[in-house]
Structures are given as C-alpha cells and as structure tokens.
N, C-alpha and C. Protein backbone atom coordinates (compact mmCIF):
# COMPACT_ATOMS: atom_id res chain seq x y z
N VAL A 1 0.94 -1.30 0.14
CA VAL A 1 0.24 0.00 0.19
C VAL A 1 0.95 1.23 -0.35
N ALA A 2 1.98 1.23 0.86
CA ALA A 2 2.75 2.29 1.19
C ALA A 2 3.50 2.58 -0.37
N THR A 3 3.64 1.56 -1.49
CA THR A 3 4.66 1.62 -2.51
C THR A 3 3.57 2.13 -3.71
N HIS A 4 2.74 1.41 -3.51
CA HIS A 4 1.75 1.55 -4.84
C HIS A 4 0.03 1.94 -4.70
N GLY A 5 0.05 2.57 -3.00
CA GLY A 5 -0.91 2.89 -2.96
C GLY A 5 -2.01 3.62 -3.72
N GLU A 6 -1.08 5.48 -3.64
CA GLU A 6 -1.65 6.08 -4.56
C GLU A 6 -1.80 6.00 -6.27
N GLU A 7 -0.92 4.97 -6.91
CA GLU A 7 -1.20 5.01 -8.29
C GLU A 7 -2.83 3.71 -8.41
N PHE A 8 -2.90 2.95 -7.53
CA PHE A 8 -3.73 2.46 -6.94
C PHE A 8 -5.01 3.35 -7.23
N LEU A 9 -5.02 4.05 -6.43
CA LEU A 9 -6.11 5.08 -6.06
C LEU A 9 -6.25 5.62 -7.27
N GLU A 10 -5.08 6.42 -8.13
CA GLU A 10 -5.50 6.78 -9.28
C GLU A 10 -6.47 6.02 -10.48
N LEU A 11 -6.14 4.62 -10.34
CA LEU A 11 -6.52 3.74 -11.24
C LEU A 11 -8.10 3.70 -11.25
N ILE A 12 -8.54 3.65 -9.75
CA ILE A 12 -9.58 3.62 -9.24
C ILE A 12 -10.13 5.10 -9.69
N ARG A 13 -10.04 5.90 -9.81
CA ARG A 13 -10.24 7.52 -10.08
C ARG A 13 -10.85 7.41 -11.46
N ASP A 14 -9.50 6.65 -12.28
CA ASP A 14 -9.49 6.86 -13.66
C ASP A 14 -8.79 5.45 -14.74
N PRO A 15 -10.10 4.23 -14.55
CA PRO A 15 -9.48 3.36 -15.12
C PRO A 15 -9.41 3.27 -16.68
N SER A 16 -9.44 4.34 -17.24
CA SER A 16 -8.73 4.20 -18.60
C SER A 16 -7.35 4.47 -18.58
N LYS A 17 -7.20 4.36 -17.62
CA LYS A 17 -5.61 4.70 -17.66
C LYS A 17 -4.44 3.52 -17.33
N LEU A 18 -5.63 2.54 -17.13
CA LEU A 18 -4.86 1.01 -17.13
C LEU A 18 -4.39 0.53 -18.50
N PRO A 19 -3.17 -0.14 -18.06
CA PRO A 19 -2.51 -0.34 -19.66
C PRO A 19 -3.65 -1.43 -20.48
N GLY A 20 -3.63 -0.69 -21.78
CA GLY A 20 -4.83 -1.98 -22.54
C GLY A 20 -6.04 -1.69 -22.24
N ALA A 21 -6.74 -0.47 -21.43
CA ALA A 21 -8.11 -0.01 -21.22
C ALA A 21 -8.56 0.05 -22.61
N LEU A 22 -9.89 -0.52 -22.97
CA LEU A 22 -10.85 -0.25 -23.65
C LEU A 22 -11.65 1.19 -23.61
N PRO A 23 -11.56 2.46 -24.00
CA PRO A 23 -12.46 3.22 -24.01
C PRO A 23 -14.17 3.20 -23.74
N PHE A 24 -14.25 3.92 -22.65
CA PHE A 24 -15.82 3.64 -22.23
C PHE A 24 -16.71 3.79 -23.60
N PRO A 25 -18.25 3.19 -23.39
CA PRO A 25 -19.13 3.51 -24.58
C PRO A 25 -19.75 4.42 -23.81
N PRO A 26 -19.85 5.88 -24.87
CA PRO A 26 -20.85 6.74 -24.42
C PRO A 26 -21.86 6.33 -23.17
N ARG A 27 -22.77 6.98 -22.62
CA ARG A 27 -23.54 6.80 -21.85
C ARG A 27 -24.81 6.83 -23.12
N PRO A 28 -26.04 6.03 -22.59
CA PRO A 28 -27.18 6.06 -23.47
C PRO A 28 -28.18 7.55 -23.24
N GLU A 29 -28.39 8.14 -24.12
CA GLU A 29 -28.99 9.13 -24.09
C GLU A 29 -30.67 8.57 -22.85
N ASN A 30 -31.04 9.57 -22.10
CA ASN A 30 -31.78 9.80 -21.33
C ASN A 30 -33.19 10.41 -22.58
N ARG A 31 -34.47 9.65 -22.63
CA ARG A 31 -35.15 10.62 -23.90
C ARG A 31 -36.54 9.77 -22.83
N GLU A 32 -36.92 11.24 -23.28
CA GLU A 32 -39.16 11.12 -22.78
C GLU A 32 -39.80 10.05 -23.47
N PRO A 33 -40.01 8.91 -23.37
CA PRO A 33 -40.53 7.96 -23.76
C PRO A 33 -42.02 8.78 -24.73
N SER A 34 -42.23 7.82 -25.74
CA SER A 34 -43.20 8.15 -26.62
C SER A 34 -44.95 8.33 -25.79
N ASP A 35 -45.63 8.93 -26.56
CA ASP A 35 -47.02 8.80 -26.44
C ASP A 35 -46.86 7.30 -26.33
N ALA A 36 -46.90 6.50 -27.83
CA ALA A 36 -47.55 5.15 -27.49
C ALA A 36 -46.37 4.50 -26.89
N GLU A 37 -45.25 4.48 -26.31
CA GLU A 37 -44.84 3.83 -25.05
C GLU A 37 -45.41 4.20 -23.98
N LYS A 38 -45.86 5.22 -23.76
CA LYS A 38 -46.49 5.33 -22.58
C LYS A 38 -47.60 4.51 -22.45
N ARG A 39 -48.51 5.12 -23.17
CA ARG A 39 -49.82 4.08 -23.56
C ARG A 39 -49.70 2.63 -23.65
N CYS A 40 -49.00 1.67 -24.09
CA CYS A 40 -47.96 0.29 -23.47
C CYS A 40 -47.53 -0.06 -22.33
N GLU A 41 -46.88 0.78 -21.99
CA GLU A 41 -46.90 0.69 -20.37
C GLU A 41 -47.73 0.88 -19.56
N SER A 42 -48.80 1.53 -19.93
CA SER A 42 -49.66 1.75 -18.69
C SER A 42 -50.53 0.39 -19.07
N ARG A 43 -50.50 0.15 -20.43
CA ARG A 43 -51.70 -1.50 -20.56
C ARG A 43 -50.73 -2.64 -19.77
N LEU A 44 -49.35 -2.47 -20.23
CA LEU A 44 -49.37 -3.77 -19.31
C LEU A 44 -48.87 -3.71 -17.79
N ARG A 45 -48.53 -2.79 -17.31
CA ARG A 45 -48.52 -2.28 -15.46
C ARG A 45 -50.12 -2.82 -15.60
N ALA A 46 -51.26 -2.51 -15.59
CA ALA A 46 -52.66 -2.99 -15.36
C ALA A 46 -52.78 -4.26 -15.79
N TRP A 47 -52.78 -4.56 -17.14
CA TRP A 47 -52.60 -6.28 -16.85
C TRP A 47 -51.85 -7.03 -16.01
N ARG A 48 -50.63 -6.61 -15.92
CA ARG A 48 -49.85 -7.23 -14.75
C ARG A 48 -50.41 -7.50 -13.63
N GLN A 49 -50.90 -6.69 -13.17
CA GLN A 49 -51.34 -6.14 -11.57
C GLN A 49 -52.77 -7.33 -11.81
N SER A 50 -53.71 -7.38 -12.85
CA SER A 50 -54.76 -7.98 -12.79
C SER A 50 -54.71 -9.50 -12.78
N GLU A 51 -53.69 -10.01 -13.62
CA GLU A 51 -53.21 -10.95 -13.81
C GLU A 51 -52.59 -11.53 -12.34
N SER A 52 -51.55 -10.99 -11.49
CA SER A 52 -50.97 -11.29 -10.74
C SER A 52 -51.96 -11.50 -9.71
N LYS A 53 -53.32 -10.79 -9.60
CA LYS A 53 -54.47 -11.21 -8.22
C LYS A 53 -54.82 -12.35 -9.00
N ARG A 54 -54.90 -12.42 -10.37
CA ARG A 54 -56.03 -13.35 -10.68
C ARG A 54 -55.24 -14.45 -10.37
N ARG A 55 -54.26 -14.78 -10.61
CA ARG A 55 -52.85 -15.90 -10.64
C ARG A 55 -52.53 -15.97 -8.88
N LYS A 56 -52.58 -15.18 -7.89
CA LYS A 56 -52.28 -15.07 -6.81
C LYS A 56 -51.13 -15.07 -6.67
N LEU A 57 -49.67 -14.71 -7.46
CA LEU A 57 -48.30 -14.27 -7.99
C LEU A 57 -48.40 -12.85 -7.72
N THR A 58 -47.15 -12.72 -7.41
CA THR A 58 -46.69 -11.29 -7.32
C THR A 58 -46.21 -10.64 -8.46
N PRO A 59 -46.78 -9.59 -9.06
CA PRO A 59 -46.94 -9.24 -10.47
C PRO A 59 -45.28 -9.08 -11.12
N HIS A 60 -44.14 -9.15 -10.50
CA HIS A 60 -43.31 -9.33 -11.07
C HIS A 60 -42.82 -11.09 -10.87
N ALA A 61 -43.81 -12.04 -10.54
CA ALA A 61 -43.60 -13.25 -11.30
C ALA A 61 -44.20 -13.35 -12.49
N ILE A 62 -45.29 -12.21 -13.08
CA ILE A 62 -46.10 -12.06 -14.09
C ILE A 62 -45.00 -11.45 -15.14
N LEU A 63 -44.71 -10.63 -15.27
CA LEU A 63 -43.40 -9.90 -15.84
C LEU A 63 -42.93 -9.29 -15.28
N PRO A 64 -41.66 -9.54 -15.22
CA PRO A 64 -40.66 -8.40 -14.49
C PRO A 64 -40.32 -7.05 -14.90
N SER A 65 -39.98 -6.48 -14.10
CA SER A 65 -39.76 -4.72 -14.63
C SER A 65 -39.11 -4.40 -15.59
N ARG A 66 -37.86 -5.16 -15.18
CA ARG A 66 -36.99 -5.25 -16.74
C ARG A 66 -37.83 -5.60 -17.93
N ALA A 67 -38.48 -6.62 -18.31
CA ALA A 67 -38.93 -7.37 -19.24
C ALA A 67 -40.03 -5.76 -19.60
N LEU A 68 -40.88 -5.76 -18.84
CA LEU A 68 -41.64 -4.83 -19.34
C LEU A 68 -41.41 -3.63 -19.62
N MET A 69 -40.51 -3.18 -19.28
CA MET A 69 -39.58 -1.37 -20.01
C MET A 69 -39.12 -2.07 -21.14
N TRP A 70 -38.35 -3.59 -21.03
CA TRP A 70 -37.56 -3.64 -22.98
C TRP A 70 -38.85 -3.87 -23.53
N ILE A 71 -40.25 -4.12 -23.28
CA ILE A 71 -40.97 -4.34 -24.28
C ILE A 71 -41.48 -3.14 -24.38
N LYS A 72 -41.58 -2.31 -23.61
CA LYS A 72 -42.67 -0.99 -23.84
C LYS A 72 -41.38 0.08 -24.98
N SER A 73 -40.35 -0.14 -25.17
CA SER A 73 -39.10 0.66 -25.62
C SER A 73 -39.13 -0.14 -27.09
N HIS A 74 -39.30 -1.74 -27.17
CA HIS A 74 -38.67 -2.53 -28.31
C HIS A 74 -39.61 -2.97 -28.81
N GLY A 75 -40.80 -3.27 -28.01
CA GLY A 75 -42.52 -3.80 -28.88
C GLY A 75 -42.04 -5.15 -28.66
N THR A 76 -42.68 -5.95 -29.30
CA THR A 76 -43.17 -7.41 -29.16
C THR A 76 -42.65 -8.26 -30.32
N ASP A 77 -42.14 -7.64 -31.61
CA ASP A 77 -41.59 -8.46 -32.38
C ASP A 77 -40.77 -9.55 -32.55
N ALA A 78 -39.86 -9.48 -31.09
CA ALA A 78 -38.86 -10.61 -31.14
C ALA A 78 -38.89 -10.92 -29.57
N LEU A 79 -39.78 -11.61 -28.95
CA LEU A 79 -40.14 -11.58 -27.61
C LEU A 79 -38.83 -12.60 -26.75
N GLU A 80 -38.40 -13.40 -27.91
CA GLU A 80 -37.30 -14.37 -27.07
C GLU A 80 -36.26 -13.25 -27.07
N GLU A 81 -35.68 -12.27 -27.38
CA GLU A 81 -34.90 -11.08 -27.20
C GLU A 81 -35.07 -10.69 -25.54
N VAL A 82 -36.45 -10.64 -24.97
CA VAL A 82 -36.78 -9.91 -24.00
C VAL A 82 -35.67 -10.31 -22.48
N PRO A 83 -35.47 -9.67 -21.92
CA PRO A 83 -34.71 -10.00 -20.95
C PRO A 83 -35.37 -10.24 -19.71
N GLN A 84 -35.42 -11.39 -18.78
CA GLN A 84 -36.52 -12.30 -17.97
C GLN A 84 -37.36 -12.68 -18.34
N LEU A 85 -37.98 -12.45 -20.04
CA LEU A 85 -38.99 -13.20 -20.04
C LEU A 85 -39.27 -14.50 -20.17
N GLY A 86 -38.27 -15.59 -20.95
CA GLY A 86 -38.15 -16.72 -20.57
C GLY A 86 -39.25 -17.60 -21.82
N ASP A 87 -39.16 -18.55 -21.85
CA ASP A 87 -39.85 -19.15 -22.98
C ASP A 87 -41.40 -19.33 -22.16
N LYS A 88 -41.79 -19.89 -20.63
CA LYS A 88 -42.82 -20.51 -20.17
C LYS A 88 -43.63 -19.08 -20.82
N ARG A 89 -42.98 -17.89 -19.98
CA ARG A 89 -43.91 -16.62 -19.72
C ARG A 89 -44.22 -15.85 -21.73
N ILE A 90 -43.36 -16.47 -22.72
CA ILE A 90 -43.62 -16.33 -23.90
C ILE A 90 -44.74 -17.41 -24.13
N GLN A 91 -44.85 -18.50 -24.21
CA GLN A 91 -45.86 -19.48 -24.43
C GLN A 91 -46.95 -18.82 -23.46
N ARG A 92 -47.03 -18.50 -22.44
CA ARG A 92 -48.24 -18.58 -21.48
C ARG A 92 -48.80 -16.88 -22.01
N TYR A 93 -47.96 -15.86 -22.22
CA TYR A 93 -48.27 -14.92 -22.19
C TYR A 93 -48.12 -13.90 -23.66
N GLY A 94 -47.38 -14.62 -24.18
CA GLY A 94 -47.04 -13.93 -25.72
C GLY A 94 -47.93 -13.17 -26.18
N ASP A 95 -49.17 -13.98 -26.37
CA ASP A 95 -50.05 -13.31 -27.47
C ASP A 95 -50.63 -12.19 -26.85
N GLN A 96 -50.98 -12.23 -25.63
CA GLN A 96 -51.43 -11.17 -24.86
C GLN A 96 -50.65 -10.13 -24.77
N LEU A 97 -49.08 -10.18 -24.76
CA LEU A 97 -48.44 -9.00 -24.78
C LEU A 97 -48.35 -8.01 -25.83
N ARG A 98 -48.84 -9.44 -26.95
CA ARG A 98 -48.55 -8.49 -28.22
C ARG A 98 -49.89 -7.61 -28.57
N ARG A 99 -50.64 -8.33 -28.32
CA ARG A 99 -52.56 -7.72 -28.05
C ARG A 99 -52.06 -6.19 -27.45
N LEU A 100 -51.59 -6.42 -25.90
CA LEU A 100 -51.52 -4.89 -25.27
C LEU A 100 -50.27 -4.09 -26.06
N CYS A 101 -49.57 -4.67 -26.66
CA CYS A 101 -48.79 -3.68 -26.95
C CYS A 101 -49.22 -2.59 -28.26
N HIS A 102 -50.16 -3.76 -29.24
CA HIS A 102 -50.59 -2.91 -30.07
C HIS A 102 -51.86 -2.16 -29.78
N GLY A 103 -52.13 -2.23 -28.64
CA GLY A 103 -53.58 -1.69 -28.20
C GLY A 103 -54.88 -2.37 -28.51
N ASP A 104 -54.89 -3.76 -28.47
CA ASP A 104 -56.16 -4.74 -29.35
C ASP A 104 -56.83 -5.26 -27.77
N ALA A 105 -56.09 -5.16 -26.76
CA ALA A 105 -56.35 -5.43 -25.71
C ALA A 105 -57.21 -4.73 -25.04
C-alpha cells in the first residue's frame, strides 16, 4: 500500500489509465418515452396487476419490470430477446403481450 497505494487509487479514479484499457462506451441518452410507449406501459402494468391477482402471484412473477420496460421500448416483434421473459412466459403470455402493446386488448 505504501509503495503503490496512490497509483492504485488513481486507477480507481480513472480506469482509462489502465494499460490496455478500452474506452468506455458513451452513456445512452435519457429520452422521454413516446405517447405510444407510455400507453403500452400503462396497459402492461394494468394487465400485470390483474393477472397477478387472478393467479395469486406477485406482479414481478407475471412480468418482471425489466421485461416490461424492454417491451415498452422495443415492442413485441422478438419476444425471445426480452430480458427476464423466458420461454414459459412467452408461451403463456406472448399473444396477450402482443395485443396489449398494439392496443388490441
């Protein structure tokens, strides 16, 4: 610590100084969700709440928040890519999620 402590702390403050360090990717821009995204999110949340009461499960067990936010932003064209959704939920809820996002439910 006495010999390399300050150098170590400097690398913690600025990891780009590490030998062979790759540049950090730019932070994604925070953007305001579109009206369609807001409507989709609202429908998904209401459906998730009613489905959780009907099945006596937590809302997160029906549709994890991360999956809900992904679907809101990216749609339902590729449900197999949705984080934390999984095959079982796609099988059980896929058609319903598509209808909810398209405003058909």
